N, C-alpha and C. Protein backbone atom coordinates (compact mmCIF):
# COMPACT_ATOMS: atom_id res chain seq x y z
N MET A 1 -26.06 76.98 78.98
CA MET A 1 -26.58 77.49 80.23
C MET A 1 -27.50 78.67 79.97
N THR A 2 -28.64 78.68 80.64
CA THR A 2 -29.59 79.77 80.46
C THR A 2 -29.05 81.05 81.05
N ALA A 3 -29.11 82.13 80.31
CA ALA A 3 -28.62 83.42 80.81
C ALA A 3 -29.54 83.93 81.90
N PRO A 4 -29.00 84.72 82.83
CA PRO A 4 -29.84 85.30 83.87
C PRO A 4 -30.97 86.10 83.27
N ALA A 5 -32.14 85.98 83.91
CA ALA A 5 -33.31 86.69 83.40
C ALA A 5 -33.12 88.19 83.53
N GLN A 6 -33.32 88.92 82.45
CA GLN A 6 -33.15 90.36 82.47
C GLN A 6 -34.39 91.09 81.96
N SER A 7 -35.17 90.43 81.09
CA SER A 7 -36.32 91.10 80.50
C SER A 7 -37.41 91.32 81.53
N THR A 8 -38.33 92.21 81.21
CA THR A 8 -39.42 92.52 82.11
C THR A 8 -40.74 92.12 81.47
N PRO A 9 -41.22 90.90 81.77
CA PRO A 9 -42.47 90.45 81.19
C PRO A 9 -43.64 91.18 81.81
N PRO A 10 -44.78 91.27 81.12
CA PRO A 10 -45.94 91.94 81.71
C PRO A 10 -46.44 91.19 82.93
N LEU A 11 -46.80 91.95 83.99
CA LEU A 11 -47.27 91.33 85.21
C LEU A 11 -48.78 91.14 85.21
N GLY A 12 -49.49 92.02 84.55
CA GLY A 12 -50.94 91.97 84.60
C GLY A 12 -51.54 91.31 83.36
N PRO A 13 -52.75 90.78 83.51
CA PRO A 13 -53.42 90.16 82.36
C PRO A 13 -53.93 91.23 81.40
N GLU A 14 -53.98 90.89 80.13
CA GLU A 14 -54.57 91.79 79.15
C GLU A 14 -56.08 91.72 79.27
N LEU A 15 -56.75 92.85 79.18
CA LEU A 15 -58.20 92.90 79.28
C LEU A 15 -58.84 92.64 77.92
N THR A 16 -59.86 91.79 77.91
CA THR A 16 -60.64 91.58 76.69
C THR A 16 -61.74 92.64 76.64
N ASP A 17 -62.40 92.75 75.49
CA ASP A 17 -63.52 93.70 75.38
C ASP A 17 -64.63 93.34 76.38
N ASP A 18 -64.84 92.04 76.57
CA ASP A 18 -65.87 91.62 77.54
C ASP A 18 -65.51 92.07 78.95
N ASP A 19 -64.22 91.96 79.32
CA ASP A 19 -63.78 92.42 80.63
C ASP A 19 -64.09 93.91 80.80
N VAL A 20 -63.72 94.67 79.78
CA VAL A 20 -63.89 96.13 79.86
C VAL A 20 -65.37 96.50 79.92
N LEU A 21 -66.18 95.93 79.06
CA LEU A 21 -67.60 96.26 79.02
C LEU A 21 -68.29 95.88 80.33
N ASP A 22 -67.90 94.75 80.91
CA ASP A 22 -68.47 94.34 82.18
C ASP A 22 -68.11 95.33 83.28
N ALA A 23 -66.84 95.77 83.30
CA ALA A 23 -66.41 96.73 84.31
C ALA A 23 -67.14 98.07 84.15
N MET A 24 -67.29 98.49 82.91
CA MET A 24 -67.93 99.78 82.66
C MET A 24 -69.39 99.78 83.07
N THR A 25 -70.06 98.64 82.93
CA THR A 25 -71.48 98.58 83.33
C THR A 25 -71.63 98.59 84.84
N ARG A 26 -70.58 98.27 85.56
CA ARG A 26 -70.65 98.25 87.03
C ARG A 26 -70.38 99.63 87.64
N ILE A 27 -69.89 100.56 86.85
CA ILE A 27 -69.61 101.90 87.35
C ILE A 27 -70.86 102.77 87.17
N PRO A 28 -71.39 103.34 88.25
CA PRO A 28 -72.61 104.15 88.14
C PRO A 28 -72.38 105.37 87.24
N GLY A 29 -73.42 105.75 86.52
CA GLY A 29 -73.32 106.93 85.67
C GLY A 29 -72.83 106.58 84.27
N TYR A 30 -72.73 107.61 83.46
CA TYR A 30 -72.33 107.44 82.06
C TYR A 30 -70.85 107.70 81.90
N LEU A 31 -70.15 106.78 81.26
CA LEU A 31 -68.72 106.94 80.99
C LEU A 31 -68.53 107.29 79.52
N ASP A 32 -68.02 108.46 79.28
CA ASP A 32 -67.83 108.90 77.90
C ASP A 32 -66.43 108.54 77.42
N ILE A 33 -66.12 107.23 77.45
CA ILE A 33 -64.82 106.74 76.97
C ILE A 33 -65.06 105.46 76.19
N THR A 34 -64.12 105.15 75.34
CA THR A 34 -64.21 103.91 74.56
C THR A 34 -63.56 102.78 75.36
N THR A 35 -63.76 101.58 74.88
CA THR A 35 -63.11 100.43 75.53
C THR A 35 -61.59 100.55 75.44
N ASP A 36 -61.09 101.11 74.34
CA ASP A 36 -59.64 101.30 74.21
C ASP A 36 -59.13 102.32 75.22
N ASP A 37 -59.91 103.41 75.46
CA ASP A 37 -59.53 104.40 76.47
C ASP A 37 -59.47 103.74 77.85
N PHE A 38 -60.48 102.94 78.14
CA PHE A 38 -60.54 102.26 79.43
C PHE A 38 -59.32 101.34 79.60
N ARG A 39 -59.01 100.62 78.52
CA ARG A 39 -57.88 99.70 78.57
C ARG A 39 -56.57 100.46 78.77
N ASP A 40 -56.41 101.61 78.16
CA ASP A 40 -55.21 102.43 78.35
C ASP A 40 -55.08 102.91 79.78
N VAL A 41 -56.20 103.35 80.37
CA VAL A 41 -56.17 103.79 81.77
C VAL A 41 -55.78 102.63 82.68
N TYR A 42 -56.32 101.46 82.40
CA TYR A 42 -55.98 100.27 83.19
C TYR A 42 -54.49 99.98 83.13
N ARG A 43 -53.92 99.98 81.92
CA ARG A 43 -52.49 99.67 81.78
C ARG A 43 -51.64 100.68 82.54
N LEU A 44 -51.97 101.95 82.42
CA LEU A 44 -51.20 103.00 83.09
C LEU A 44 -51.31 102.89 84.60
N ALA A 45 -52.53 102.67 85.08
CA ALA A 45 -52.75 102.57 86.52
C ALA A 45 -52.08 101.33 87.08
N TYR A 46 -52.19 100.22 86.36
CA TYR A 46 -51.59 98.97 86.83
C TYR A 46 -50.07 99.09 86.86
N GLY A 47 -49.51 99.66 85.80
CA GLY A 47 -48.06 99.85 85.76
C GLY A 47 -47.56 100.74 86.88
N HIS A 48 -48.32 101.81 87.16
CA HIS A 48 -47.94 102.72 88.24
C HIS A 48 -47.99 102.01 89.58
N ALA A 49 -49.05 101.22 89.80
CA ALA A 49 -49.19 100.50 91.07
C ALA A 49 -48.06 99.49 91.27
N ILE A 50 -47.73 98.76 90.21
CA ILE A 50 -46.65 97.78 90.31
C ILE A 50 -45.33 98.47 90.63
N GLU A 51 -45.06 99.59 89.97
CA GLU A 51 -43.83 100.32 90.22
C GLU A 51 -43.78 100.82 91.65
N ARG A 52 -44.92 101.29 92.16
CA ARG A 52 -44.98 101.80 93.53
C ARG A 52 -44.77 100.67 94.55
N LEU A 53 -45.32 99.50 94.26
CA LEU A 53 -45.27 98.40 95.22
C LEU A 53 -43.96 97.63 95.18
N VAL A 54 -43.45 97.38 93.97
CA VAL A 54 -42.28 96.51 93.86
C VAL A 54 -41.18 97.11 92.99
N GLY A 55 -41.27 98.40 92.68
CA GLY A 55 -40.28 99.01 91.80
C GLY A 55 -38.86 98.95 92.31
N GLY A 56 -38.69 98.94 93.62
CA GLY A 56 -37.34 98.91 94.17
C GLY A 56 -36.84 97.54 94.54
N VAL A 57 -37.65 96.51 94.29
CA VAL A 57 -37.27 95.15 94.69
C VAL A 57 -36.27 94.57 93.69
N ARG A 58 -35.15 94.06 94.21
CA ARG A 58 -34.14 93.40 93.40
C ARG A 58 -33.83 92.03 93.99
N ALA A 59 -33.33 91.15 93.17
CA ALA A 59 -33.01 89.80 93.63
C ALA A 59 -32.03 89.84 94.80
N ALA A 60 -31.06 90.76 94.74
CA ALA A 60 -30.06 90.86 95.81
C ALA A 60 -30.69 91.20 97.15
N ASP A 61 -31.86 91.88 97.13
CA ASP A 61 -32.52 92.25 98.38
C ASP A 61 -33.25 91.07 99.01
N LEU A 62 -33.64 90.10 98.21
CA LEU A 62 -34.45 88.99 98.69
C LEU A 62 -33.67 87.70 98.89
N MET A 63 -32.52 87.60 98.24
CA MET A 63 -31.77 86.33 98.28
C MET A 63 -31.12 86.11 99.64
N ARG A 64 -30.79 84.87 99.88
CA ARG A 64 -29.99 84.49 101.04
C ARG A 64 -28.55 84.31 100.55
N ARG A 65 -27.64 84.95 101.23
CA ARG A 65 -26.24 84.87 100.80
C ARG A 65 -25.65 83.52 101.24
N ASP A 66 -26.11 82.51 100.56
CA ASP A 66 -25.71 81.13 100.83
C ASP A 66 -24.72 80.70 99.76
N ASP A 67 -23.49 80.38 100.18
CA ASP A 67 -22.47 79.99 99.21
C ASP A 67 -22.30 78.48 99.12
N THR A 68 -23.26 77.74 99.69
CA THR A 68 -23.19 76.29 99.63
C THR A 68 -23.42 75.81 98.21
N ALA A 69 -22.42 75.14 97.66
CA ALA A 69 -22.51 74.65 96.28
C ALA A 69 -21.64 73.41 96.16
N VAL A 70 -21.83 72.71 95.07
CA VAL A 70 -21.03 71.51 94.81
C VAL A 70 -20.42 71.61 93.42
N GLY A 71 -19.36 70.86 93.22
CA GLY A 71 -18.72 70.80 91.91
C GLY A 71 -19.22 69.60 91.13
N PRO A 72 -19.09 69.62 89.82
CA PRO A 72 -19.60 68.51 89.00
C PRO A 72 -18.87 67.19 89.23
N GLN A 73 -17.64 67.23 89.79
CA GLN A 73 -16.90 65.99 90.03
C GLN A 73 -17.17 65.38 91.41
N MET A 74 -17.93 66.07 92.25
CA MET A 74 -18.25 65.51 93.56
C MET A 74 -19.17 64.30 93.37
N THR A 75 -18.99 63.27 94.21
CA THR A 75 -19.86 62.11 94.10
C THR A 75 -21.27 62.47 94.58
N LEU A 76 -22.23 61.80 94.01
CA LEU A 76 -23.61 62.03 94.43
C LEU A 76 -23.81 61.68 95.90
N TYR A 77 -23.08 60.69 96.37
CA TYR A 77 -23.22 60.30 97.77
C TYR A 77 -22.81 61.46 98.68
N ARG A 78 -21.69 62.09 98.40
CA ARG A 78 -21.23 63.22 99.23
C ARG A 78 -22.18 64.41 99.09
N ALA A 79 -22.66 64.66 97.87
CA ALA A 79 -23.59 65.76 97.67
C ALA A 79 -24.88 65.51 98.44
N ALA A 80 -25.35 64.26 98.44
CA ALA A 80 -26.56 63.93 99.19
C ALA A 80 -26.34 64.13 100.68
N GLU A 81 -25.16 63.76 101.16
CA GLU A 81 -24.83 64.00 102.57
C GLU A 81 -24.90 65.48 102.90
N LEU A 82 -24.36 66.30 102.00
CA LEU A 82 -24.35 67.75 102.20
C LEU A 82 -25.78 68.31 102.22
N MET A 83 -26.62 67.81 101.35
CA MET A 83 -28.01 68.25 101.32
C MET A 83 -28.72 67.91 102.63
N VAL A 84 -28.42 66.73 103.17
CA VAL A 84 -29.03 66.33 104.45
C VAL A 84 -28.49 67.20 105.58
N GLU A 85 -27.17 67.43 105.60
CA GLU A 85 -26.56 68.24 106.65
C GLU A 85 -27.12 69.65 106.68
N ARG A 86 -27.33 70.24 105.50
CA ARG A 86 -27.80 71.62 105.39
C ARG A 86 -29.32 71.73 105.29
N GLU A 87 -30.00 70.58 105.30
CA GLU A 87 -31.46 70.54 105.20
C GLU A 87 -31.94 71.27 103.93
N LEU A 88 -31.34 70.91 102.81
CA LEU A 88 -31.66 71.52 101.52
C LEU A 88 -32.26 70.49 100.57
N LYS A 89 -33.14 70.96 99.70
CA LYS A 89 -33.75 70.10 98.70
C LYS A 89 -32.99 70.17 97.37
N SER A 90 -32.11 71.16 97.24
CA SER A 90 -31.36 71.31 96.00
C SER A 90 -30.07 72.08 96.28
N LEU A 91 -29.12 71.95 95.36
CA LEU A 91 -27.83 72.64 95.48
C LEU A 91 -27.40 73.14 94.11
N PRO A 92 -26.82 74.34 94.04
CA PRO A 92 -26.25 74.79 92.78
C PRO A 92 -24.94 74.04 92.50
N VAL A 93 -24.69 73.81 91.23
CA VAL A 93 -23.44 73.17 90.81
C VAL A 93 -22.61 74.24 90.13
N VAL A 94 -21.36 74.40 90.56
CA VAL A 94 -20.52 75.47 90.03
C VAL A 94 -19.21 74.90 89.49
N ASP A 95 -18.59 75.66 88.57
CA ASP A 95 -17.28 75.25 88.05
C ASP A 95 -16.18 75.81 88.94
N GLY A 96 -14.96 75.71 88.49
CA GLY A 96 -13.83 76.15 89.31
C GLY A 96 -13.81 77.63 89.61
N GLU A 97 -14.52 78.44 88.82
CA GLU A 97 -14.60 79.88 89.06
C GLU A 97 -15.94 80.28 89.68
N ARG A 98 -16.67 79.29 90.18
CA ARG A 98 -17.96 79.46 90.86
C ARG A 98 -19.04 79.99 89.93
N ARG A 99 -18.89 79.73 88.64
CA ARG A 99 -19.98 80.03 87.71
C ARG A 99 -20.99 78.89 87.79
N VAL A 100 -22.26 79.25 87.84
CA VAL A 100 -23.31 78.24 87.98
C VAL A 100 -23.49 77.49 86.66
N ILE A 101 -23.35 76.17 86.72
CA ILE A 101 -23.47 75.35 85.52
C ILE A 101 -24.60 74.33 85.61
N GLY A 102 -25.22 74.22 86.77
CA GLY A 102 -26.30 73.24 86.92
C GLY A 102 -26.94 73.34 88.29
N MET A 103 -27.99 72.56 88.47
CA MET A 103 -28.64 72.42 89.77
C MET A 103 -28.81 70.93 90.05
N LEU A 104 -28.56 70.55 91.30
CA LEU A 104 -28.77 69.17 91.73
C LEU A 104 -29.93 69.17 92.72
N SER A 105 -30.95 68.38 92.45
CA SER A 105 -32.12 68.32 93.32
C SER A 105 -32.35 66.89 93.80
N GLU A 106 -33.23 66.77 94.79
CA GLU A 106 -33.62 65.45 95.25
C GLU A 106 -34.17 64.62 94.10
N SER A 107 -34.91 65.28 93.20
CA SER A 107 -35.50 64.56 92.07
C SER A 107 -34.43 63.97 91.16
N ASP A 108 -33.30 64.68 91.01
CA ASP A 108 -32.21 64.15 90.20
C ASP A 108 -31.64 62.87 90.81
N VAL A 109 -31.50 62.89 92.15
CA VAL A 109 -30.97 61.71 92.85
C VAL A 109 -31.95 60.56 92.74
N LEU A 110 -33.23 60.84 92.97
CA LEU A 110 -34.25 59.79 92.87
C LEU A 110 -34.30 59.21 91.46
N GLY A 111 -34.14 60.07 90.46
CA GLY A 111 -34.16 59.60 89.08
C GLY A 111 -33.06 58.59 88.81
N LEU A 112 -31.87 58.84 89.35
CA LEU A 112 -30.76 57.90 89.18
C LEU A 112 -31.09 56.54 89.80
N LEU A 113 -31.78 56.59 90.93
CA LEU A 113 -32.09 55.35 91.67
C LEU A 113 -33.37 54.69 91.18
N GLY A 114 -34.04 55.31 90.22
CA GLY A 114 -35.24 54.72 89.68
C GLY A 114 -36.42 54.73 90.62
N ALA A 115 -36.46 55.72 91.53
CA ALA A 115 -37.54 55.80 92.51
C ALA A 115 -38.35 57.07 92.29
N ALA A 116 -39.65 56.97 92.54
CA ALA A 116 -40.52 58.14 92.40
C ALA A 116 -40.45 59.03 93.62
N ASN A 117 -40.16 58.45 94.79
CA ASN A 117 -40.06 59.22 96.04
C ASN A 117 -39.24 58.42 97.04
N PHE A 118 -38.92 59.07 98.16
CA PHE A 118 -38.06 58.42 99.15
C PHE A 118 -38.77 57.31 99.90
N LEU A 119 -40.09 57.30 99.92
CA LEU A 119 -40.80 56.21 100.57
C LEU A 119 -40.50 54.88 99.89
N GLU A 120 -40.34 54.92 98.57
CA GLU A 120 -39.97 53.70 97.85
C GLU A 120 -38.64 53.16 98.34
N LEU A 121 -37.71 54.05 98.63
CA LEU A 121 -36.38 53.62 99.07
C LEU A 121 -36.42 53.01 100.48
N ILE A 122 -37.29 53.57 101.32
CA ILE A 122 -37.38 53.10 102.71
C ILE A 122 -37.79 51.64 102.79
N ILE A 123 -38.70 51.23 101.91
CA ILE A 123 -39.26 49.88 102.01
C ILE A 123 -38.46 48.85 101.19
N GLU A 124 -37.37 49.28 100.60
CA GLU A 124 -36.58 48.34 99.81
C GLU A 124 -35.71 47.46 100.71
N SER A 125 -35.20 46.40 100.13
CA SER A 125 -34.39 45.43 100.88
C SER A 125 -32.99 45.96 101.13
N ASP A 126 -32.29 45.32 102.05
CA ASP A 126 -30.91 45.70 102.35
C ASP A 126 -30.03 45.57 101.10
N ARG A 127 -30.31 44.57 100.28
CA ARG A 127 -29.53 44.37 99.06
C ARG A 127 -29.72 45.55 98.11
N GLU A 128 -30.98 46.02 97.98
CA GLU A 128 -31.25 47.17 97.12
C GLU A 128 -30.61 48.43 97.68
N HIS A 129 -30.61 48.59 99.01
CA HIS A 129 -29.97 49.75 99.62
C HIS A 129 -28.47 49.76 99.32
N ALA A 130 -27.85 48.59 99.38
CA ALA A 130 -26.42 48.49 99.10
C ALA A 130 -26.14 48.88 97.64
N GLU A 131 -27.02 48.46 96.74
CA GLU A 131 -26.85 48.80 95.33
C GLU A 131 -27.01 50.30 95.11
N HIS A 132 -27.94 50.91 95.80
CA HIS A 132 -28.13 52.36 95.68
C HIS A 132 -26.90 53.10 96.18
N ARG A 133 -26.35 52.65 97.29
CA ARG A 133 -25.15 53.30 97.84
C ARG A 133 -24.00 53.20 96.84
N ARG A 134 -23.87 52.03 96.21
CA ARG A 134 -22.81 51.84 95.23
C ARG A 134 -22.98 52.81 94.06
N ARG A 135 -24.19 52.95 93.58
CA ARG A 135 -24.44 53.83 92.45
C ARG A 135 -24.18 55.29 92.83
N LEU A 136 -24.55 55.66 94.04
CA LEU A 136 -24.34 57.04 94.48
C LEU A 136 -22.86 57.36 94.63
N THR A 137 -22.07 56.39 95.09
CA THR A 137 -20.64 56.64 95.28
C THR A 137 -19.87 56.58 93.97
N GLN A 138 -20.46 55.97 92.94
CA GLN A 138 -19.76 55.83 91.67
C GLN A 138 -20.28 56.79 90.59
N THR A 139 -21.19 57.67 90.97
CA THR A 139 -21.75 58.62 90.01
C THR A 139 -21.42 60.03 90.45
N ASP A 140 -20.99 60.86 89.53
CA ASP A 140 -20.67 62.24 89.84
C ASP A 140 -21.90 63.14 89.69
N VAL A 141 -21.87 64.26 90.40
CA VAL A 141 -22.95 65.25 90.33
C VAL A 141 -23.21 65.67 88.88
N GLY A 142 -22.12 65.91 88.14
CA GLY A 142 -22.25 66.39 86.77
C GLY A 142 -22.99 65.43 85.85
N ASP A 143 -23.07 64.15 86.24
CA ASP A 143 -23.74 63.16 85.40
C ASP A 143 -25.26 63.24 85.49
N VAL A 144 -25.78 63.81 86.56
CA VAL A 144 -27.24 63.82 86.74
C VAL A 144 -27.82 65.20 87.00
N MET A 145 -26.97 66.21 87.14
CA MET A 145 -27.47 67.55 87.44
C MET A 145 -28.39 68.05 86.33
N THR A 146 -29.25 68.99 86.69
CA THR A 146 -30.14 69.62 85.72
C THR A 146 -29.44 70.84 85.12
N SER A 147 -29.39 70.88 83.80
CA SER A 147 -28.77 71.98 83.08
C SER A 147 -29.44 72.08 81.72
N PRO A 148 -29.69 73.28 81.19
CA PRO A 148 -29.30 74.60 81.71
C PRO A 148 -30.09 74.99 82.96
N VAL A 149 -29.62 76.06 83.59
CA VAL A 149 -30.16 76.49 84.87
C VAL A 149 -31.02 77.74 84.71
N VAL A 150 -32.17 77.75 85.37
CA VAL A 150 -32.95 78.97 85.46
C VAL A 150 -32.41 79.76 86.64
N MET A 151 -31.93 80.97 86.38
CA MET A 151 -31.34 81.79 87.44
C MET A 151 -31.59 83.26 87.11
N VAL A 152 -31.27 84.11 88.07
CA VAL A 152 -31.46 85.54 87.87
C VAL A 152 -30.19 86.29 88.27
N ALA A 153 -30.01 87.45 87.67
CA ALA A 153 -28.91 88.32 88.05
C ALA A 153 -29.26 89.01 89.37
N GLU A 154 -28.25 89.42 90.11
CA GLU A 154 -28.50 90.02 91.42
C GLU A 154 -29.27 91.32 91.33
N ASP A 155 -29.23 92.01 90.18
CA ASP A 155 -29.98 93.24 90.02
C ASP A 155 -31.30 93.03 89.29
N ALA A 156 -31.71 91.77 89.12
CA ALA A 156 -32.98 91.48 88.44
C ALA A 156 -34.14 92.08 89.21
N GLU A 157 -35.10 92.63 88.49
CA GLU A 157 -36.26 93.25 89.10
C GLU A 157 -37.37 92.23 89.32
N PHE A 158 -38.41 92.69 90.00
CA PHE A 158 -39.51 91.83 90.41
C PHE A 158 -40.09 91.03 89.25
N ALA A 159 -40.38 91.69 88.14
CA ALA A 159 -41.01 91.01 87.01
C ALA A 159 -40.11 89.92 86.44
N SER A 160 -38.81 90.17 86.39
CA SER A 160 -37.87 89.17 85.88
C SER A 160 -37.79 87.97 86.81
N ILE A 161 -37.82 88.24 88.12
CA ILE A 161 -37.79 87.14 89.10
C ILE A 161 -39.05 86.29 88.95
N LEU A 162 -40.19 86.96 88.84
CA LEU A 162 -41.45 86.25 88.68
C LEU A 162 -41.42 85.39 87.42
N GLY A 163 -40.93 85.95 86.34
CA GLY A 163 -40.85 85.19 85.09
C GLY A 163 -39.95 83.98 85.22
N ALA A 164 -38.85 84.12 85.95
CA ALA A 164 -37.92 83.00 86.14
C ALA A 164 -38.57 81.89 86.95
N PHE A 165 -39.28 82.24 88.02
CA PHE A 165 -39.94 81.22 88.83
C PHE A 165 -41.06 80.53 88.04
N ARG A 166 -41.67 81.25 87.12
CA ARG A 166 -42.71 80.63 86.29
C ARG A 166 -42.13 79.60 85.33
N ARG A 167 -40.84 79.72 85.03
CA ARG A 167 -40.22 78.80 84.07
C ARG A 167 -39.76 77.49 84.69
N HIS A 168 -39.79 77.39 86.00
CA HIS A 168 -39.42 76.12 86.62
C HIS A 168 -40.14 75.99 87.95
N ASP A 169 -40.23 74.75 88.45
CA ASP A 169 -41.00 74.51 89.66
C ASP A 169 -40.13 74.27 90.88
N GLY A 170 -38.85 74.62 90.79
CA GLY A 170 -37.96 74.43 91.93
C GLY A 170 -38.25 75.38 93.07
N ARG A 171 -37.78 75.03 94.25
CA ARG A 171 -38.01 75.86 95.43
C ARG A 171 -36.97 76.97 95.57
N ARG A 172 -35.80 76.76 94.95
CA ARG A 172 -34.73 77.76 95.08
C ARG A 172 -34.12 78.01 93.70
N MET A 173 -33.57 79.20 93.56
CA MET A 173 -32.99 79.60 92.28
C MET A 173 -31.69 80.36 92.54
N PRO A 174 -30.63 80.06 91.78
CA PRO A 174 -29.37 80.78 91.97
C PRO A 174 -29.47 82.24 91.57
N VAL A 175 -28.77 83.08 92.31
CA VAL A 175 -28.62 84.49 91.97
C VAL A 175 -27.14 84.68 91.64
N VAL A 176 -26.86 85.30 90.49
CA VAL A 176 -25.48 85.38 90.01
C VAL A 176 -25.09 86.81 89.70
N ASP A 177 -23.76 87.03 89.65
CA ASP A 177 -23.27 88.34 89.25
C ASP A 177 -23.17 88.40 87.73
N LEU A 178 -22.60 89.48 87.20
CA LEU A 178 -22.55 89.66 85.75
C LEU A 178 -21.72 88.59 85.05
N ALA A 179 -20.81 87.95 85.78
CA ALA A 179 -19.99 86.90 85.19
C ALA A 179 -20.60 85.52 85.36
N GLY A 180 -21.81 85.45 85.93
CA GLY A 180 -22.45 84.16 86.13
C GLY A 180 -22.00 83.43 87.37
N ARG A 181 -21.26 84.14 88.26
CA ARG A 181 -20.78 83.50 89.49
C ARG A 181 -21.85 83.56 90.57
N LEU A 182 -21.94 82.49 91.36
CA LEU A 182 -22.94 82.39 92.41
C LEU A 182 -22.71 83.43 93.50
N VAL A 183 -23.75 84.18 93.84
CA VAL A 183 -23.67 85.15 94.94
C VAL A 183 -24.71 84.85 96.02
N GLY A 184 -25.69 84.01 95.72
CA GLY A 184 -26.70 83.68 96.71
C GLY A 184 -27.78 82.82 96.10
N MET A 185 -28.78 82.49 96.93
CA MET A 185 -29.90 81.68 96.48
C MET A 185 -31.20 82.40 96.86
N LEU A 186 -32.14 82.36 95.94
CA LEU A 186 -33.43 82.99 96.18
C LEU A 186 -34.48 81.90 96.33
N ALA A 187 -35.12 81.87 97.50
CA ALA A 187 -36.14 80.86 97.77
C ALA A 187 -37.50 81.36 97.30
N ARG A 188 -38.27 80.47 96.72
CA ARG A 188 -39.61 80.83 96.25
C ARG A 188 -40.45 81.38 97.41
N LYS A 189 -40.33 80.78 98.59
CA LYS A 189 -41.14 81.22 99.73
C LYS A 189 -40.74 82.63 100.18
N ASP A 190 -39.47 83.00 100.06
CA ASP A 190 -39.05 84.36 100.41
C ASP A 190 -39.59 85.37 99.41
N PHE A 191 -39.61 84.97 98.14
CA PHE A 191 -40.14 85.85 97.11
C PHE A 191 -41.64 86.07 97.32
N ILE A 192 -42.36 85.00 97.61
CA ILE A 192 -43.80 85.10 97.82
C ILE A 192 -44.10 85.95 99.05
N ALA A 193 -43.29 85.77 100.11
CA ALA A 193 -43.50 86.53 101.34
C ALA A 193 -43.29 88.02 101.12
N ALA A 194 -42.40 88.37 100.19
CA ALA A 194 -42.12 89.78 99.92
C ALA A 194 -43.07 90.39 98.91
N CYS A 195 -43.91 89.55 98.29
CA CYS A 195 -44.81 90.03 97.25
C CYS A 195 -45.99 90.77 97.88
N PRO A 196 -46.18 92.05 97.56
CA PRO A 196 -47.26 92.83 98.16
C PRO A 196 -48.58 92.69 97.42
N LEU A 197 -48.57 91.97 96.30
CA LEU A 197 -49.79 91.89 95.49
C LEU A 197 -50.78 90.93 96.12
N GLN A 198 -52.02 91.31 96.16
CA GLN A 198 -53.06 90.50 96.74
C GLN A 198 -54.12 90.19 95.68
N VAL A 199 -54.69 88.99 95.81
CA VAL A 199 -55.78 88.62 94.91
C VAL A 199 -57.06 89.25 95.45
N PRO A 200 -57.77 90.04 94.65
CA PRO A 200 -58.98 90.68 95.16
C PRO A 200 -60.04 89.67 95.54
N SER A 201 -60.75 89.93 96.64
CA SER A 201 -61.78 89.01 97.10
C SER A 201 -63.10 89.30 96.42
């Protein structure tokens, strides 16, 4: 199982000499600094801005305290029912002590059924639907769940959260305590909504 993200990856791009020289030519007047000096000022200013904008952001502040989870022995059919009832695209899989051991997504279910999307299932015959139901009722969550899991600790900072979302394309990510137990779920859309960084026009 992947450990909760704790490291702080760099948020900003590294400047090349061409980047620096281009910027310096756009500033009126003479700049008596080297490209390395300019690059140092950029790093310090960027780091200060990031700290000011998102320095206090933690995963616990952004997550939804959703304790909906499934166990590895639950049938896929029941798990799929739960996903439909809760209008979720994925569910964390936990052990008996609620430690996160996997994630179950719609893609995992579709993979078992050999379908690329749900439209394929809609147009199938009644016989094929019956076969799919049989497979779902006879397969456990633990047989198809995705593991290891990309997740973050509840005290993870902005950069760690960003790095975790970059490592997978899921819409939601588990947030765990120090023992790896589920405490909530962090949605990509909630993280993006809380992000104060803007792309310059």
